[in-house]
């Protein structure tokens, strides 16, 4: 079966950015990728909008997911605001069968990958 990676996380954005995120996700061939792990609530019910990802993928496909997050992170702010960086932001926990858990933070137009700041290892039980 190969080495597997469990990914779970979310993005917060605005309506315009959500439409661009959906375009990025829909550009993937659903028969050849793990794009089916993306979920978009049918009813966004507060001031922010959300996108979620959850799924187990083969480790060899992790580059695909990283590239998608990097594309999403670069989506510009819909409105210029000198005080706040309003680009998409979010958090993903990535649990690799061999390398262990990492925390992927989407913010400020980029993706930062590092060791988890919190104790999330109970999720790997």
N, C-alpha and C. Protein backbone atom coordinates (compact mmCIF):
# COMPACT_ATOMS: atom_id res chain seq x y z
N UNK A 1 0.82 -1.20 0.00
CA UNK A 1 0.00 0.00 0.00
C UNK A 1 0.86 1.26 0.00
N UNK A 2 2.05 1.22 0.53
CA UNK A 2 2.92 2.39 0.52
C UNK A 2 2.78 3.23 1.77
N UNK A 3 3.59 4.24 1.83
CA UNK A 3 3.57 5.17 2.97
C UNK A 3 2.41 6.14 2.79
N UNK A 4 1.66 6.33 3.86
CA UNK A 4 0.48 7.19 3.82
C UNK A 4 0.68 8.44 4.66
N UNK A 5 -0.08 9.47 4.32
CA UNK A 5 -0.07 10.74 5.03
C UNK A 5 -1.52 11.13 5.28
N UNK A 6 -1.81 11.48 6.52
CA UNK A 6 -3.15 11.96 6.87
C UNK A 6 -3.10 13.48 6.96
N UNK A 7 -4.02 14.13 6.25
CA UNK A 7 -4.07 15.59 6.22
C UNK A 7 -5.43 16.04 6.71
N UNK A 8 -5.43 17.01 7.61
CA UNK A 8 -6.69 17.61 8.06
C UNK A 8 -6.44 19.06 8.40
N UNK A 9 -7.33 19.92 7.93
CA UNK A 9 -7.14 21.34 8.20
C UNK A 9 -8.17 22.21 7.53
N UNK A 10 -7.93 23.52 7.63
CA UNK A 10 -8.91 24.49 7.17
C UNK A 10 -8.23 25.75 6.66
N UNK A 11 -8.98 26.48 5.86
CA UNK A 11 -8.57 27.80 5.38
C UNK A 11 -9.69 28.78 5.68
N UNK A 12 -9.33 29.99 6.05
CA UNK A 12 -10.29 31.07 6.21
C UNK A 12 -9.98 32.11 5.14
N UNK A 13 -11.01 32.64 4.51
CA UNK A 13 -10.82 33.58 3.42
C UNK A 13 -12.08 34.41 3.26
N UNK A 14 -12.15 35.19 2.18
CA UNK A 14 -13.40 35.91 1.89
C UNK A 14 -14.07 35.26 0.67
N UNK A 15 -15.22 35.80 0.29
CA UNK A 15 -16.00 35.18 -0.80
C UNK A 15 -15.23 35.13 -2.12
N UNK A 16 -14.56 36.21 -2.46
CA UNK A 16 -13.80 36.25 -3.72
C UNK A 16 -12.67 35.23 -3.70
N UNK A 17 -11.97 35.16 -2.59
CA UNK A 17 -10.87 34.21 -2.46
C UNK A 17 -11.38 32.78 -2.49
N UNK A 18 -12.52 32.53 -1.88
CA UNK A 18 -13.09 31.19 -1.89
C UNK A 18 -13.38 30.74 -3.33
N UNK A 19 -13.88 31.65 -4.14
CA UNK A 19 -14.14 31.31 -5.54
C UNK A 19 -12.82 30.93 -6.24
N UNK A 20 -11.73 31.62 -5.93
CA UNK A 20 -10.44 31.30 -6.54
C UNK A 20 -9.90 29.97 -6.01
N UNK A 21 -10.12 29.70 -4.73
CA UNK A 21 -9.70 28.42 -4.16
C UNK A 21 -10.44 27.28 -4.87
N UNK A 22 -11.73 27.44 -5.07
CA UNK A 22 -12.50 26.41 -5.77
C UNK A 22 -11.98 26.20 -7.19
N UNK A 23 -11.59 27.28 -7.87
CA UNK A 23 -11.03 27.15 -9.22
C UNK A 23 -9.74 26.33 -9.21
N UNK A 24 -8.88 26.59 -8.24
CA UNK A 24 -7.63 25.85 -8.12
C UNK A 24 -7.91 24.37 -7.89
N UNK A 25 -8.83 24.08 -6.99
CA UNK A 25 -9.16 22.70 -6.66
C UNK A 25 -9.82 22.00 -7.85
N UNK A 26 -10.72 22.68 -8.52
CA UNK A 26 -11.44 22.08 -9.65
C UNK A 26 -10.57 21.87 -10.87
N UNK A 27 -9.43 22.55 -10.94
CA UNK A 27 -8.51 22.38 -12.07
C UNK A 27 -7.82 21.01 -12.05
N UNK A 28 -7.79 20.37 -10.89
CA UNK A 28 -7.20 19.04 -10.78
C UNK A 28 -8.16 17.99 -11.34
N UNK A 29 -7.60 16.98 -11.95
CA UNK A 29 -8.39 15.86 -12.46
C UNK A 29 -8.79 14.99 -11.26
N UNK A 30 -10.08 14.91 -10.94
CA UNK A 30 -10.50 14.16 -9.75
C UNK A 30 -10.17 12.67 -9.82
N UNK A 31 -9.95 12.16 -11.01
CA UNK A 31 -9.60 10.74 -11.15
C UNK A 31 -8.12 10.50 -10.86
N UNK A 32 -7.31 11.54 -10.86
CA UNK A 32 -5.86 11.37 -10.73
C UNK A 32 -5.30 12.00 -9.46
N UNK A 33 -6.10 12.67 -8.68
CA UNK A 33 -5.60 13.34 -7.47
C UNK A 33 -6.51 13.04 -6.29
N UNK A 34 -6.12 13.59 -5.18
CA UNK A 34 -6.91 13.47 -3.95
C UNK A 34 -7.73 14.73 -3.72
N UNK A 35 -8.12 15.40 -4.79
CA UNK A 35 -8.87 16.64 -4.66
C UNK A 35 -10.24 16.45 -4.02
N UNK A 36 -10.73 15.22 -3.97
CA UNK A 36 -12.01 14.94 -3.33
C UNK A 36 -12.03 15.18 -1.84
N UNK A 37 -10.86 15.40 -1.24
CA UNK A 37 -10.79 15.69 0.19
C UNK A 37 -11.21 17.10 0.55
N UNK A 38 -11.33 17.97 -0.46
CA UNK A 38 -11.75 19.35 -0.19
C UNK A 38 -13.25 19.40 0.06
N UNK A 39 -13.63 20.23 1.02
CA UNK A 39 -15.05 20.43 1.34
C UNK A 39 -15.31 21.92 1.53
N UNK A 40 -16.43 22.36 1.00
CA UNK A 40 -16.84 23.76 1.07
C UNK A 40 -18.27 23.79 1.60
N UNK A 41 -18.48 24.34 2.78
CA UNK A 41 -19.84 24.37 3.31
C UNK A 41 -20.81 25.03 2.32
N UNK A 42 -21.96 24.43 2.15
CA UNK A 42 -22.96 24.97 1.23
C UNK A 42 -23.48 26.32 1.70
N UNK A 43 -23.49 26.50 2.98
CA UNK A 43 -23.97 27.77 3.56
C UNK A 43 -22.88 28.33 4.45
N UNK A 44 -22.23 29.38 4.00
CA UNK A 44 -21.24 30.07 4.81
C UNK A 44 -22.04 31.04 5.69
N UNK A 45 -21.93 30.92 6.97
CA UNK A 45 -22.91 31.57 7.83
C UNK A 45 -22.40 32.73 8.68
N UNK A 46 -21.18 33.16 8.52
CA UNK A 46 -20.73 34.32 9.29
C UNK A 46 -19.85 35.20 8.43
N UNK A 47 -19.10 36.08 9.02
CA UNK A 47 -18.35 37.06 8.23
C UNK A 47 -17.19 36.45 7.45
N UNK A 48 -16.68 35.31 7.87
CA UNK A 48 -15.61 34.65 7.14
C UNK A 48 -16.16 33.51 6.31
N UNK A 49 -15.39 33.08 5.34
CA UNK A 49 -15.76 31.88 4.59
C UNK A 49 -14.67 30.85 4.80
N UNK A 50 -15.02 29.60 4.61
CA UNK A 50 -14.14 28.51 5.00
C UNK A 50 -14.03 27.44 3.93
N UNK A 51 -12.87 26.82 3.90
CA UNK A 51 -12.63 25.64 3.07
C UNK A 51 -11.91 24.64 3.96
N UNK A 52 -12.23 23.38 3.81
CA UNK A 52 -11.65 22.33 4.66
C UNK A 52 -11.04 21.24 3.79
N UNK A 53 -10.01 20.59 4.33
CA UNK A 53 -9.46 19.42 3.67
C UNK A 53 -9.28 18.33 4.70
N UNK A 54 -9.66 17.13 4.33
CA UNK A 54 -9.43 15.97 5.17
C UNK A 54 -9.27 14.75 4.30
N UNK A 55 -8.21 14.00 4.53
CA UNK A 55 -8.03 12.79 3.74
C UNK A 55 -6.71 12.12 4.01
N UNK A 56 -6.63 10.88 3.61
CA UNK A 56 -5.39 10.11 3.67
C UNK A 56 -4.89 9.96 2.24
N UNK A 57 -3.65 10.37 2.02
CA UNK A 57 -3.08 10.30 0.68
C UNK A 57 -1.75 9.56 0.74
N UNK A 58 -1.29 9.09 -0.40
CA UNK A 58 0.03 8.47 -0.48
C UNK A 58 1.10 9.55 -0.33
N UNK A 59 2.17 9.21 0.35
CA UNK A 59 3.25 10.16 0.59
C UNK A 59 3.80 10.73 -0.71
N UNK A 60 3.81 9.93 -1.77
CA UNK A 60 4.33 10.42 -3.05
C UNK A 60 3.47 11.54 -3.63
N UNK A 61 2.25 11.73 -3.13
CA UNK A 61 1.37 12.80 -3.60
C UNK A 61 1.40 14.04 -2.71
N UNK A 62 2.22 14.02 -1.70
CA UNK A 62 2.26 15.16 -0.77
C UNK A 62 2.72 16.43 -1.46
N UNK A 63 3.61 16.32 -2.45
CA UNK A 63 4.04 17.50 -3.20
C UNK A 63 2.86 18.17 -3.89
N UNK A 64 1.93 17.35 -4.40
CA UNK A 64 0.72 17.89 -5.03
C UNK A 64 -0.04 18.78 -4.05
N UNK A 65 -0.25 18.28 -2.82
CA UNK A 65 -1.00 19.05 -1.84
C UNK A 65 -0.25 20.32 -1.45
N UNK A 66 1.05 20.20 -1.26
CA UNK A 66 1.86 21.37 -0.90
C UNK A 66 1.76 22.45 -1.99
N UNK A 67 1.85 22.04 -3.23
CA UNK A 67 1.74 23.00 -4.34
C UNK A 67 0.39 23.69 -4.34
N UNK A 68 -0.69 22.96 -4.08
CA UNK A 68 -2.02 23.59 -4.03
C UNK A 68 -2.08 24.63 -2.91
N UNK A 69 -1.55 24.29 -1.74
CA UNK A 69 -1.58 25.26 -0.64
C UNK A 69 -0.74 26.49 -0.96
N UNK A 70 0.39 26.30 -1.63
CA UNK A 70 1.22 27.45 -2.01
C UNK A 70 0.48 28.34 -3.02
N UNK A 71 -0.24 27.73 -3.95
CA UNK A 71 -1.05 28.51 -4.89
C UNK A 71 -2.13 29.29 -4.16
N UNK A 72 -2.81 28.63 -3.25
CA UNK A 72 -3.88 29.27 -2.49
C UNK A 72 -3.34 30.40 -1.63
N UNK A 73 -2.20 30.19 -0.99
CA UNK A 73 -1.62 31.21 -0.12
C UNK A 73 -1.30 32.50 -0.88
N UNK A 74 -1.03 32.38 -2.17
CA UNK A 74 -0.65 33.55 -2.97
C UNK A 74 -1.85 34.32 -3.52
N UNK A 75 -3.05 33.84 -3.26
CA UNK A 75 -4.23 34.58 -3.69
C UNK A 75 -4.21 35.94 -2.98
N UNK A 76 -4.31 37.03 -3.73
CA UNK A 76 -4.19 38.35 -3.08
C UNK A 76 -5.42 38.70 -2.25
N UNK A 77 -5.22 39.68 -1.39
CA UNK A 77 -6.34 40.21 -0.61
C UNK A 77 -7.35 40.82 -1.58
N UNK A 78 -8.62 40.64 -1.29
CA UNK A 78 -9.66 41.20 -2.15
C UNK A 78 -9.77 42.70 -1.99
N UNK A 79 -9.44 43.19 -0.83
CA UNK A 79 -9.54 44.61 -0.52
C UNK A 79 -8.22 45.04 0.12
N UNK A 80 -7.74 46.19 -0.26
CA UNK A 80 -6.50 46.69 0.31
C UNK A 80 -6.76 47.26 1.70
N UNK A 81 -5.97 46.82 2.66
CA UNK A 81 -6.09 47.27 4.04
C UNK A 81 -4.68 47.35 4.61
N UNK A 82 -4.27 48.53 4.96
CA UNK A 82 -2.90 48.71 5.47
C UNK A 82 -2.67 48.07 6.82
N UNK A 83 -3.75 47.86 7.58
CA UNK A 83 -3.60 47.34 8.93
C UNK A 83 -3.57 45.81 8.99
N UNK A 84 -4.31 45.15 8.11
CA UNK A 84 -4.44 43.69 8.18
C UNK A 84 -4.02 43.04 6.87
N UNK A 85 -3.44 41.85 6.98
CA UNK A 85 -3.12 41.04 5.81
C UNK A 85 -4.31 40.11 5.60
N UNK A 86 -5.11 40.40 4.61
CA UNK A 86 -6.37 39.68 4.41
C UNK A 86 -6.27 38.60 3.33
N UNK A 87 -5.10 38.00 3.18
CA UNK A 87 -4.97 36.88 2.26
C UNK A 87 -5.46 35.61 2.96
N UNK A 88 -5.71 34.53 2.21
CA UNK A 88 -6.15 33.28 2.87
C UNK A 88 -5.17 32.86 3.96
N UNK A 89 -5.72 32.30 5.02
CA UNK A 89 -4.89 31.82 6.13
C UNK A 89 -5.53 30.56 6.69
N UNK A 90 -4.69 29.71 7.25
CA UNK A 90 -5.24 28.48 7.79
C UNK A 90 -4.17 27.61 8.42
N UNK A 91 -4.60 26.44 8.84
CA UNK A 91 -3.74 25.51 9.56
C UNK A 91 -4.07 24.09 9.13
N UNK A 92 -3.04 23.31 8.85
CA UNK A 92 -3.19 21.91 8.48
C UNK A 92 -2.24 21.07 9.31
N UNK A 93 -2.73 19.96 9.81
CA UNK A 93 -1.89 18.98 10.49
C UNK A 93 -1.66 17.84 9.51
N UNK A 94 -0.40 17.54 9.29
CA UNK A 94 -0.01 16.53 8.31
C UNK A 94 0.73 15.43 9.05
N UNK A 95 0.14 14.24 9.08
CA UNK A 95 0.72 13.11 9.82
C UNK A 95 1.26 12.08 8.84
N UNK A 96 2.57 11.99 8.78
CA UNK A 96 3.28 11.10 7.86
C UNK A 96 3.60 9.80 8.60
N UNK A 97 3.35 8.66 7.96
CA UNK A 97 3.59 7.36 8.58
C UNK A 97 5.03 7.18 9.06
N UNK A 98 5.98 7.79 8.38
CA UNK A 98 7.39 7.62 8.71
C UNK A 98 7.97 8.85 9.41
N UNK A 99 7.69 10.03 8.87
CA UNK A 99 8.30 11.26 9.37
C UNK A 99 7.56 11.90 10.54
N UNK A 100 6.40 11.38 10.90
CA UNK A 100 5.65 11.95 12.01
C UNK A 100 4.80 13.13 11.59
N UNK A 101 4.39 13.92 12.57
CA UNK A 101 3.46 15.01 12.34
C UNK A 101 4.17 16.33 12.08
N UNK A 102 3.59 17.11 11.19
CA UNK A 102 4.05 18.48 10.96
C UNK A 102 2.84 19.40 10.91
N UNK A 103 3.11 20.66 11.11
CA UNK A 103 2.07 21.69 11.10
C UNK A 103 2.34 22.59 9.90
N UNK A 104 1.34 22.77 9.07
CA UNK A 104 1.47 23.59 7.87
C UNK A 104 0.60 24.82 8.07
N UNK A 105 1.23 25.98 8.12
CA UNK A 105 0.53 27.24 8.34
C UNK A 105 0.49 28.05 7.05
N UNK A 106 -0.71 28.40 6.65
CA UNK A 106 -0.90 29.26 5.49
C UNK A 106 -1.16 30.66 6.01
N UNK A 107 -0.27 31.58 5.68
CA UNK A 107 -0.47 32.98 6.07
C UNK A 107 0.53 33.88 5.37
N UNK A 108 0.18 35.16 5.28
CA UNK A 108 1.06 36.19 4.72
C UNK A 108 1.55 35.85 3.31
N UNK A 109 0.74 35.13 2.54
CA UNK A 109 1.09 34.81 1.17
C UNK A 109 2.01 33.61 1.00
N UNK A 110 2.23 32.86 2.07
CA UNK A 110 3.12 31.71 1.97
C UNK A 110 2.66 30.53 2.79
N UNK A 111 3.47 29.50 2.75
CA UNK A 111 3.23 28.27 3.50
C UNK A 111 4.45 28.00 4.35
N UNK A 112 4.25 27.87 5.65
CA UNK A 112 5.33 27.58 6.58
C UNK A 112 5.11 26.19 7.14
N UNK A 113 6.10 25.32 6.97
CA UNK A 113 5.99 23.94 7.44
C UNK A 113 6.97 23.76 8.59
N UNK A 114 6.46 23.24 9.70
CA UNK A 114 7.31 23.02 10.86
C UNK A 114 6.72 21.99 11.80
N UNK A 115 7.35 21.83 12.93
CA UNK A 115 6.85 20.92 13.96
C UNK A 115 5.65 21.56 14.63
N UNK A 116 4.69 20.76 15.07
CA UNK A 116 3.49 21.31 15.71
C UNK A 116 3.82 22.07 16.98
N UNK A 117 3.14 23.21 17.17
CA UNK A 117 3.30 23.97 18.40
C UNK A 117 2.50 23.35 19.54
N UNK A 118 1.45 22.63 19.20
CA UNK A 118 0.60 22.02 20.22
C UNK A 118 0.78 20.52 20.27
N UNK A 119 0.13 19.91 21.24
CA UNK A 119 0.19 18.46 21.38
C UNK A 119 -1.01 17.86 20.64
N UNK A 120 -0.81 17.59 19.36
CA UNK A 120 -1.87 17.05 18.52
C UNK A 120 -1.70 15.56 18.25
N UNK A 121 -0.78 14.93 18.92
CA UNK A 121 -0.47 13.53 18.63
C UNK A 121 -1.63 12.58 18.98
N UNK A 122 -2.56 13.03 19.80
CA UNK A 122 -3.72 12.18 20.10
C UNK A 122 -4.53 11.91 18.83
N UNK A 123 -4.39 12.79 17.83
CA UNK A 123 -5.11 12.59 16.57
C UNK A 123 -4.55 11.42 15.78
N UNK A 124 -3.32 11.01 16.06
CA UNK A 124 -2.70 9.90 15.35
C UNK A 124 -2.97 8.55 15.99
N UNK A 125 -3.73 8.53 17.07
CA UNK A 125 -3.99 7.27 17.79
C UNK A 125 -4.79 6.30 16.96
